[in-house]
Each structure stands twice: as C-alpha cells, then as structure tokens.
Amino acid sequence: MSVKRICIIPARGGSKRIPRKNVKPFLGRPIIEYSIRAALDSDCFDEVMVSTDDPEIAEVARQAGAAIPFMRSAENSGDHAMTAPVVEEVLHRYSESGHTIELGCCVYATSVFVTPELFQKGLNLLDQRRDAPSVVSVTRFSFPVLRGLQMNEQSEVDFVWPEHKNTRSQDLAPCFHDAAQFYWFRSEDFLAQKNLFMPGSLGLEIPESEIQDIDNEVDWKLAELKFKLKYGEKTDE
C-alpha cells in the first residue's frame, strides 16, 4: 500500500551532551515516546517512523508504536549529521520500496510538548495554502530583537541596530524563531530544495511556555518543570 503521509522522527544514538538522550526517561517515560504517541494520536499519518542507527532506540520506538522500516545509514549518523539529509534519505528509501510520500512531517524525538492538535493545525494550514511548500513551528522572541545589543572584547556594548535605539518596544514588529516542534512539508518541494525552510514557508506560532530546546541537563530540567506546569505531576501514563 502506498504511504501518502508520513511522520519522520530522527533519533540517532550518539548524543554527547546528554548521553542516550533519545531514550532517557522524561518524567517516567522514554522521551521519544512523547512525540511518537502525539503523532499516532493525531490521525494525520499513514505511518509514523523513526530514523535511527541505534538498536535500543529502535526497540523502544517499536514498543511505543512507531515503525522502523530500515536502519539509518552510517553516513547520516555522525556527530555532525543534519536533519535535511536524514529526511532526504528516508524519502529515497521509501521511494525505492515503491511508496509515494506526498506530505511529510519531521518532528524531533525530544519534542515533548508537541500534541495531536498541533499536528492537525499544521496539516490544516498546509491544506489551506496549496502554494506553500512547508509549515514550520515558530515562537516569538520574548524581547524585541531589533533592540538587541552587541558587546566587544572590552565588554563595551552598543545597539546592533542603532536606528532603533530610541524606538519603543511596542512599536517594533515581533520577530520569531524556529520552535523546533515540527516541520510539515511537501515532499516534492523538499527534494527540490533540500531544506525544511523554503521560500513561501508558513509559520504556526506556539507559545514560548510550550517549547524547550533540550541540549543539556539544565534544558532537560527546565523542560520537566514546564511540562509539570502544563500537565501536572501525573505524567507517566
């Protein structure tokens, strides 16, 4: 059967800053389970798959309900592996197996705040805007970027954009950054540009309280605190 919509969860085994990050228990459950369950519960996908080079991650992902149709190549499993080549590899492997992927969604294994509703909102936005190549999750900078400062080696500070030195914060347009929750994309556009951010990409705004990059142990603790604030203490079911 042809797979038309697929969720891709990259999860390599060689995390250095947080060893075994993708299967480390997050409030009682392997962290990768959160994104897998949200994707499965969204009913947005014909298949939810995990791209990994690690047998333990593969087994945990299978137990959570994800598919592991193949193991990731060594070429895309090193410390400097980027997301786009991993997604490209997945699409090519499915194509070689006779499956047609029309829409894909890349979501990270540590995206504990992603929900079925967010997946659905992203898909709906992509359906509404047929000219858009992708929909990416974004969040606002908490302070106006245009009033940002720079500091030299002598600790002297100055405005990066001096023209906004006296501009009131409320008069500046908001700026956004990648929330790193998910990236819906049209496969044809992605394969042509090899990028999840493309000209014409749409942003779906997510509150800052519902995102957290997890790159070190402090980030991990902050994510747990935010998760408890949002969902309460009972999180292991």
C-alpha atoms as a PDB file:
ATOM      1  CA  MET A   1       0.000   0.000   0.000  1.00  0.00           C
ATOM      2  CA  SER A   2       1.310   3.440  -0.899  1.00  0.00           C
ATOM      3  CA  VAL A   3       2.179   5.665   2.052  1.00  0.00           C
ATOM      4  CA  LYS A   4       0.951   9.200   1.345  1.00  0.00           C
ATOM      5  CA  ARG A   5       1.625  10.980   4.654  1.00  0.00           C
ATOM      6  CA  ILE A   6       4.491  10.084   6.920  1.00  0.00           C
ATOM      7  CA  CYS A   7       5.869  11.320  10.225  1.00  0.00           C
ATOM      8  CA  ILE A   8       9.669  11.153  10.427  1.00  0.00           C
ATOM      9  CA  ILE A   9      11.302  11.181  13.874  1.00  0.00           C
ATOM     10  CA  PRO A  10      15.118  11.430  13.673  1.00  0.00           C
ATOM     11  CA  ALA A  11      16.778   9.769  16.676  1.00  0.00           C
ATOM     12  CA  ARG A  12      20.425   8.815  16.389  1.00  0.00           C
ATOM     13  CA  GLY A  13      22.178   7.036  19.224  1.00  0.00           C
ATOM     14  CA  GLY A  14      25.345   9.108  19.608  1.00  0.00           C
ATOM     15  CA  SER A  15      24.208  12.090  21.674  1.00  0.00           C
ATOM     16  CA  LYS A  16      27.210  13.540  23.516  1.00  0.00           C
ATOM     17  CA  ARG A  17      25.901  16.383  25.720  1.00  0.00           C
ATOM     18  CA  ILE A  18      23.112  14.214  27.154  1.00  0.00           C
ATOM     19  CA  PRO A  19      24.147  10.554  26.731  1.00  0.00           C
ATOM     20  CA  ARG A  20      21.341   8.311  25.413  1.00  0.00           C
ATOM     21  CA  LYS A  21      19.157  11.428  25.233  1.00  0.00           C
ATOM     22  CA  ASN A  22      16.514  10.000  22.909  1.00  0.00           C
ATOM     23  CA  VAL A  23      15.595   7.141  25.246  1.00  0.00           C
ATOM     24  CA  LYS A  24      16.384   8.794  28.585  1.00  0.00           C
ATOM     25  CA  PRO A  25      13.376   8.742  30.958  1.00  0.00           C
ATOM     26  CA  PHE A  26      11.495  12.036  30.932  1.00  0.00           C
ATOM     27  CA  LEU A  27       9.141  12.088  33.923  1.00  0.00           C
ATOM     28  CA  GLY A  28       8.912   8.313  33.905  1.00  0.00           C
ATOM     29  CA  ARG A  29       8.832   7.503  30.178  1.00  0.00           C
ATOM     30  CA  PRO A  30      11.481   7.359  27.445  1.00  0.00           C
ATOM     31  CA  ILE A  31      11.420  10.833  25.963  1.00  0.00           C
ATOM     32  CA  ILE A  32      10.921   9.600  22.398  1.00  0.00           C
ATOM     33  CA  GLU A  33       7.546   8.137  23.394  1.00  0.00           C
ATOM     34  CA  TYR A  34       6.013  11.609  23.703  1.00  0.00           C
ATOM     35  CA  SER A  35       6.439  12.579  20.059  1.00  0.00           C
ATOM     36  CA  ILE A  36       5.551   9.070  18.830  1.00  0.00           C
ATOM     37  CA  ARG A  37       2.303   8.981  20.787  1.00  0.00           C
ATOM     38  CA  ALA A  38       1.319  12.501  19.765  1.00  0.00           C
ATOM     39  CA  ALA A  39       1.870  11.643  16.101  1.00  0.00           C
ATOM     40  CA  LEU A  40      -0.075   8.383  16.344  1.00  0.00           C
ATOM     41  CA  ASP A  41      -2.953  10.023  18.213  1.00  0.00           C
ATOM     42  CA  SER A  42      -3.213  12.840  15.672  1.00  0.00           C
ATOM     43  CA  ASP A  43      -4.565  10.547  12.920  1.00  0.00           C
ATOM     44  CA  CYS A  44      -2.607  12.713  10.461  1.00  0.00           C
ATOM     45  CA  PHE A  45      -0.276   9.982   9.224  1.00  0.00           C
ATOM     46  CA  ASP A  46      -0.355   6.753   7.299  1.00  0.00           C
ATOM     47  CA  GLU A  47       2.851   5.817   9.078  1.00  0.00           C
ATOM     48  CA  VAL A  48       4.925   7.137  11.983  1.00  0.00           C
ATOM     49  CA  MET A  49       8.551   6.069  11.564  1.00  0.00           C
ATOM     50  CA  VAL A  50      11.785   6.594  13.465  1.00  0.00           C
ATOM     51  CA  SER A  51      15.077   7.063  11.642  1.00  0.00           C
ATOM     52  CA  THR A  52      17.809   5.683  13.881  1.00  0.00           C
ATOM     53  CA  ASP A  53      21.128   3.893  13.787  1.00  0.00           C
ATOM     54  CA  ASP A  54      20.700   2.526  17.314  1.00  0.00           C
ATOM     55  CA  PRO A  55      19.120  -0.892  18.149  1.00  0.00           C
ATOM     56  CA  GLU A  56      17.943   0.196  21.621  1.00  0.00           C
ATOM     57  CA  ILE A  57      16.237   3.305  20.262  1.00  0.00           C
ATOM     58  CA  ALA A  58      14.661   1.181  17.535  1.00  0.00           C
ATOM     59  CA  GLU A  59      13.241  -1.254  20.097  1.00  0.00           C
ATOM     60  CA  VAL A  60      11.880   1.498  22.359  1.00  0.00           C
ATOM     61  CA  ALA A  61      10.293   3.178  19.327  1.00  0.00           C
ATOM     62  CA  ARG A  62       8.662  -0.078  18.194  1.00  0.00           C
ATOM     63  CA  GLN A  63       7.219  -0.654  21.658  1.00  0.00           C
ATOM     64  CA  ALA A  64       5.744   2.850  21.522  1.00  0.00           C
ATOM     65  CA  GLY A  65       4.053   2.054  18.198  1.00  0.00           C
ATOM     66  CA  ALA A  66       6.435   3.508  15.612  1.00  0.00           C
ATOM     67  CA  ALA A  67       7.733   1.739  12.521  1.00  0.00           C
ATOM     68  CA  ILE A  68      11.438   1.074  11.887  1.00  0.00           C
ATOM     69  CA  PRO A  69      11.398   0.027   8.222  1.00  0.00           C
ATOM     70  CA  PHE A  70      15.194   0.342   7.954  1.00  0.00           C
ATOM     71  CA  MET A  71      18.169   1.495   9.986  1.00  0.00           C
ATOM     72  CA  ARG A  72      19.779   4.834   9.246  1.00  0.00           C
ATOM     73  CA  SER A  73      22.981   4.871   7.205  1.00  0.00           C
ATOM     74  CA  ALA A  74      26.347   5.458   8.874  1.00  0.00           C
ATOM     75  CA  GLU A  75      26.800   8.483   6.607  1.00  0.00           C
ATOM     76  CA  ASN A  76      23.904  10.262   8.327  1.00  0.00           C
ATOM     77  CA  SER A  77      24.616   9.068  11.859  1.00  0.00           C
ATOM     78  CA  GLY A  78      27.744  11.006  12.826  1.00  0.00           C
ATOM     79  CA  ASP A  79      28.100  13.867  15.291  1.00  0.00           C
ATOM     80  CA  HIS A  80      27.636  16.416  12.514  1.00  0.00           C
ATOM     81  CA  ALA A  81      24.583  14.801  10.921  1.00  0.00           C
ATOM     82  CA  MET A  82      21.995  17.361   9.837  1.00  0.00           C
ATOM     83  CA  THR A  83      18.227  16.946   9.694  1.00  0.00           C
ATOM     84  CA  ALA A  84      17.682  17.605   5.978  1.00  0.00           C
ATOM     85  CA  PRO A  85      19.947  14.752   4.739  1.00  0.00           C
ATOM     86  CA  VAL A  86      18.224  12.372   7.170  1.00  0.00           C
ATOM     87  CA  VAL A  87      14.801  13.341   5.821  1.00  0.00           C
ATOM     88  CA  GLU A  88      16.079  13.021   2.258  1.00  0.00           C
ATOM     89  CA  GLU A  89      17.420   9.538   2.989  1.00  0.00           C
ATOM     90  CA  VAL A  90      14.065   8.460   4.417  1.00  0.00           C
ATOM     91  CA  LEU A  91      12.138   9.732   1.394  1.00  0.00           C
ATOM     92  CA  HIS A  92      14.507   7.992  -1.023  1.00  0.00           C
ATOM     93  CA  ARG A  93      14.315   4.703   0.882  1.00  0.00           C
ATOM     94  CA  TYR A  94      10.512   4.761   0.845  1.00  0.00           C
ATOM     95  CA  SER A  95      10.538   5.605  -2.863  1.00  0.00           C
ATOM     96  CA  GLU A  96      12.847   2.662  -3.549  1.00  0.00           C
ATOM     97  CA  SER A  97      10.327   0.421  -1.757  1.00  0.00           C
ATOM     98  CA  GLY A  98       7.542   1.597  -4.052  1.00  0.00           C
ATOM     99  CA  HIS A  99       5.908   4.041  -1.629  1.00  0.00           C
ATOM    100  CA  THR A 100       4.844   7.527  -2.666  1.00  0.00           C
ATOM    101  CA  ILE A 101       5.208  10.192   0.015  1.00  0.00           C
ATOM    102  CA  GLU A 102       3.119  13.270  -0.760  1.00  0.00           C
ATOM    103  CA  LEU A 103       3.415  15.001   2.614  1.00  0.00           C
ATOM    104  CA  GLY A 104       5.922  14.520   5.391  1.00  0.00           C
ATOM    105  CA  CYS A 105       6.331  15.889   8.879  1.00  0.00           C
ATOM    106  CA  CYS A 106       9.644  15.880  10.691  1.00  0.00           C
ATOM    107  CA  VAL A 107       9.434  16.011  14.490  1.00  0.00           C
ATOM    108  CA  TYR A 108      12.303  15.648  16.915  1.00  0.00           C
ATOM    109  CA  ALA A 109      12.496  12.838  19.458  1.00  0.00           C
ATOM    110  CA  THR A 110      12.725  15.368  22.297  1.00  0.00           C
ATOM    111  CA  SER A 111       9.619  17.361  21.288  1.00  0.00           C
ATOM    112  CA  VAL A 112       7.736  16.585  24.494  1.00  0.00           C
ATOM    113  CA  PHE A 113       5.300  19.479  24.045  1.00  0.00           C
ATOM    114  CA  VAL A 114       4.072  18.561  20.579  1.00  0.00           C
ATOM    115  CA  THR A 115       0.416  17.485  20.615  1.00  0.00           C
ATOM    116  CA  PRO A 116      -2.006  15.775  18.242  1.00  0.00           C
ATOM    117  CA  GLU A 117      -3.780  19.123  17.892  1.00  0.00           C
ATOM    118  CA  LEU A 118      -0.584  20.867  16.755  1.00  0.00           C
ATOM    119  CA  PHE A 119      -0.005  18.232  14.088  1.00  0.00           C
ATOM    120  CA  GLN A 120      -3.578  18.732  12.903  1.00  0.00           C
ATOM    121  CA  LYS A 121      -3.243  22.531  12.836  1.00  0.00           C
ATOM    122  CA  GLY A 122      -0.069  22.279  10.762  1.00  0.00           C
ATOM    123  CA  LEU A 123      -1.689  19.886   8.294  1.00  0.00           C
ATOM    124  CA  ASN A 124      -4.810  22.048   8.012  1.00  0.00           C
ATOM    125  CA  LEU A 125      -2.682  25.109   7.270  1.00  0.00           C
ATOM    126  CA  LEU A 126      -0.800  23.237   4.562  1.00  0.00           C
ATOM    127  CA  ASP A 127      -4.092  22.039   3.064  1.00  0.00           C
ATOM    128  CA  GLN A 128      -5.491  25.576   3.052  1.00  0.00           C
ATOM    129  CA  ARG A 129      -2.438  27.037   1.343  1.00  0.00           C
ATOM    130  CA  ARG A 130      -1.700  24.787  -1.594  1.00  0.00           C
ATOM    131  CA  ASP A 131       1.052  27.132  -2.744  1.00  0.00           C
ATOM    132  CA  ALA A 132       3.038  26.727   0.496  1.00  0.00           C
ATOM    133  CA  PRO A 133       5.910  24.220   0.441  1.00  0.00           C
ATOM    134  CA  SER A 134       6.025  23.737   4.216  1.00  0.00           C
ATOM    135  CA  VAL A 135       4.626  24.745   7.602  1.00  0.00           C
ATOM    136  CA  VAL A 136       7.088  25.203  10.453  1.00  0.00           C
ATOM    137  CA  SER A 137       6.512  25.777  14.155  1.00  0.00           C
ATOM    138  CA  VAL A 138       7.693  29.184  15.364  1.00  0.00           C
ATOM    139  CA  THR A 139       7.645  31.185  18.583  1.00  0.00           C
ATOM    140  CA  ARG A 140       8.178  34.872  19.386  1.00  0.00           C
ATOM    141  CA  PHE A 141      11.372  36.252  20.833  1.00  0.00           C
ATOM    142  CA  SER A 142      10.492  37.401  24.337  1.00  0.00           C
ATOM    143  CA  PHE A 143      12.233  40.757  23.758  1.00  0.00           C
ATOM    144  CA  PRO A 144      12.309  42.796  20.513  1.00  0.00           C
ATOM    145  CA  VAL A 145      15.321  41.602  18.529  1.00  0.00           C
ATOM    146  CA  LEU A 146      15.721  44.983  16.836  1.00  0.00           C
ATOM    147  CA  ARG A 147      16.720  46.454  20.194  1.00  0.00           C
ATOM    148  CA  GLY A 148      19.451  43.851  20.625  1.00  0.00           C
ATOM    149  CA  LEU A 149      22.909  44.723  21.901  1.00  0.00           C
ATOM    150  CA  GLN A 150      26.365  43.607  20.858  1.00  0.00           C
ATOM    151  CA  MET A 151      29.450  43.514  23.115  1.00  0.00           C
ATOM    152  CA  ASN A 152      33.109  43.673  22.112  1.00  0.00           C
ATOM    153  CA  GLU A 153      36.177  42.138  23.802  1.00  0.00           C
ATOM    154  CA  GLN A 154      36.415  45.121  26.152  1.00  0.00           C
ATOM    155  CA  SER A 155      32.838  44.495  27.346  1.00  0.00           C
ATOM    156  CA  GLU A 156      31.634  47.692  25.641  1.00  0.00           C
ATOM    157  CA  VAL A 157      28.047  47.448  24.459  1.00  0.00           C
ATOM    158  CA  ASP A 158      26.185  49.138  21.643  1.00  0.00           C
ATOM    159  CA  PHE A 159      22.982  48.621  19.703  1.00  0.00           C
ATOM    160  CA  VAL A 160      23.165  46.215  16.777  1.00  0.00           C
ATOM    161  CA  TRP A 161      20.601  48.390  15.009  1.00  0.00           C
ATOM    162  CA  PRO A 162      21.315  51.959  16.246  1.00  0.00           C
ATOM    163  CA  GLU A 163      18.337  53.298  14.302  1.00  0.00           C
ATOM    164  CA  HIS A 164      16.075  51.627  16.884  1.00  0.00           C
ATOM    165  CA  LYS A 165      17.928  52.957  19.945  1.00  0.00           C
ATOM    166  CA  ASN A 166      15.019  55.201  20.877  1.00  0.00           C
ATOM    167  CA  THR A 167      12.187  53.158  19.388  1.00  0.00           C
ATOM    168  CA  ARG A 168       9.630  51.932  21.897  1.00  0.00           C
ATOM    169  CA  SER A 169       9.437  48.143  22.179  1.00  0.00           C
ATOM    170  CA  GLN A 170       5.686  48.170  21.490  1.00  0.00           C
ATOM    171  CA  ASP A 171       6.293  49.987  18.200  1.00  0.00           C
ATOM    172  CA  LEU A 172       8.540  47.237  16.810  1.00  0.00           C
ATOM    173  CA  ALA A 173       7.165  44.318  14.824  1.00  0.00           C
ATOM    174  CA  PRO A 174       7.517  40.960  16.600  1.00  0.00           C
ATOM    175  CA  CYS A 175      10.294  38.627  15.499  1.00  0.00           C
ATOM    176  CA  PHE A 176      10.063  34.850  15.563  1.00  0.00           C
ATOM    177  CA  HIS A 177      12.457  31.927  15.708  1.00  0.00           C
ATOM    178  CA  ASP A 178      12.254  28.217  14.993  1.00  0.00           C
ATOM    179  CA  ALA A 179      10.325  26.464  17.763  1.00  0.00           C
ATOM    180  CA  ALA A 180      11.766  23.094  16.648  1.00  0.00           C
ATOM    181  CA  GLN A 181       8.491  21.268  17.294  1.00  0.00           C
ATOM    182  CA  PHE A 182       7.637  20.028  13.808  1.00  0.00           C
ATOM    183  CA  TYR A 183       8.090  20.723  10.101  1.00  0.00           C
ATOM    184  CA  TRP A 184       5.298  19.746   7.721  1.00  0.00           C
ATOM    185  CA  PHE A 185       6.480  19.708   4.103  1.00  0.00           C
ATOM    186  CA  ARG A 186       5.509  18.725   0.595  1.00  0.00           C
ATOM    187  CA  SER A 187       7.969  16.032  -0.442  1.00  0.00           C
ATOM    188  CA  GLU A 188       8.329  17.307  -3.996  1.00  0.00           C
ATOM    189  CA  ASP A 189       9.314  20.768  -2.770  1.00  0.00           C
ATOM    190  CA  PHE A 190      11.660  19.412  -0.111  1.00  0.00           C
ATOM    191  CA  LEU A 191      13.503  17.144  -2.549  1.00  0.00           C
ATOM    192  CA  ALA A 192      13.929  20.052  -4.944  1.00  0.00           C
ATOM    193  CA  GLN A 193      15.342  22.417  -2.313  1.00  0.00           C
ATOM    194  CA  LYS A 194      16.797  20.043   0.328  1.00  0.00           C
ATOM    195  CA  ASN A 195      15.530  22.311   3.093  1.00  0.00           C
ATOM    196  CA  LEU A 196      12.626  22.415   5.539  1.00  0.00           C
ATOM    197  CA  PHE A 197      12.586  26.236   5.487  1.00  0.00           C
ATOM    198  CA  MET A 198      11.791  27.303   1.919  1.00  0.00           C
ATOM    199  CA  PRO A 199      10.603  30.459   0.181  1.00  0.00           C
ATOM    200  CA  GLY A 200       6.896  30.646   0.939  1.00  0.00           C
ATOM    201  CA  SER A 201       7.063  28.511   4.097  1.00  0.00           C
ATOM    202  CA  LEU A 202       4.303  29.264   6.595  1.00  0.00           C
ATOM    203  CA  GLY A 203       4.758  29.657  10.350  1.00  0.00           C
ATOM    204  CA  LEU A 204       2.471  28.234  13.011  1.00  0.00           C
ATOM    205  CA  GLU A 205       3.013  30.179  16.236  1.00  0.00           C
ATOM    206  CA  ILE A 206       3.445  28.281  19.506  1.00  0.00           C
ATOM    207  CA  PRO A 207       3.614  29.957  22.941  1.00  0.00           C
ATOM    208  CA  GLU A 208       7.082  30.171  24.458  1.00  0.00           C
ATOM    209  CA  SER A 209       5.781  28.296  27.506  1.00  0.00           C
ATOM    210  CA  GLU A 210       5.175  25.218  25.338  1.00  0.00           C
ATOM    211  CA  ILE A 211       8.606  24.831  23.783  1.00  0.00           C
ATOM    212  CA  GLN A 212      12.045  23.942  25.104  1.00  0.00           C
ATOM    213  CA  ASP A 213      15.235  23.071  23.283  1.00  0.00           C
ATOM    214  CA  ILE A 214      16.892  20.206  25.146  1.00  0.00           C
ATOM    215  CA  ASP A 215      20.624  20.396  24.537  1.00  0.00           C
ATOM    216  CA  ASN A 216      21.987  19.960  28.071  1.00  0.00           C
ATOM    217  CA  GLU A 217      20.957  18.882  31.572  1.00  0.00           C
ATOM    218  CA  VAL A 218      19.700  22.357  32.514  1.00  0.00           C
ATOM    219  CA  ASP A 219      17.439  22.374  29.450  1.00  0.00           C
ATOM    220  CA  TRP A 220      16.161  18.942  30.476  1.00  0.00           C
ATOM    221  CA  LYS A 221      15.200  20.146  33.958  1.00  0.00           C
ATOM    222  CA  LEU A 222      13.523  23.246  32.529  1.00  0.00           C
ATOM    223  CA  ALA A 223      11.504  21.079  30.149  1.00  0.00           C
ATOM    224  CA  GLU A 224      10.351  18.894  33.036  1.00  0.00           C
ATOM    225  CA  LEU A 225       9.305  21.956  35.042  1.00  0.00           C
ATOM    226  CA  LYS A 226       7.391  23.416  32.103  1.00  0.00           C
ATOM    227  CA  PHE A 227       5.743  20.060  31.436  1.00  0.00           C
ATOM    228  CA  LYS A 228       4.610  19.749  35.062  1.00  0.00           C
ATOM    229  CA  LEU A 229       3.217  23.293  34.976  1.00  0.00           C
ATOM    230  CA  LYS A 230       1.226  22.474  31.856  1.00  0.00           C
ATOM    231  CA  TYR A 231       0.041  18.954  32.641  1.00  0.00           C
ATOM    232  CA  GLY A 232       0.510  18.500  36.395  1.00  0.00           C
ATOM    233  CA  GLU A 233       2.545  15.907  38.253  1.00  0.00           C
ATOM    234  CA  LYS A 234       0.810  12.824  36.824  1.00  0.00           C
ATOM    235  CA  THR A 235       2.746  12.293  33.600  1.00  0.00           C
ATOM    236  CA  ASP A 236       3.744   8.623  33.402  1.00  0.00           C
ATOM    237  CA  GLU A 237       0.531   7.184  31.952  1.00  0.00           C
END
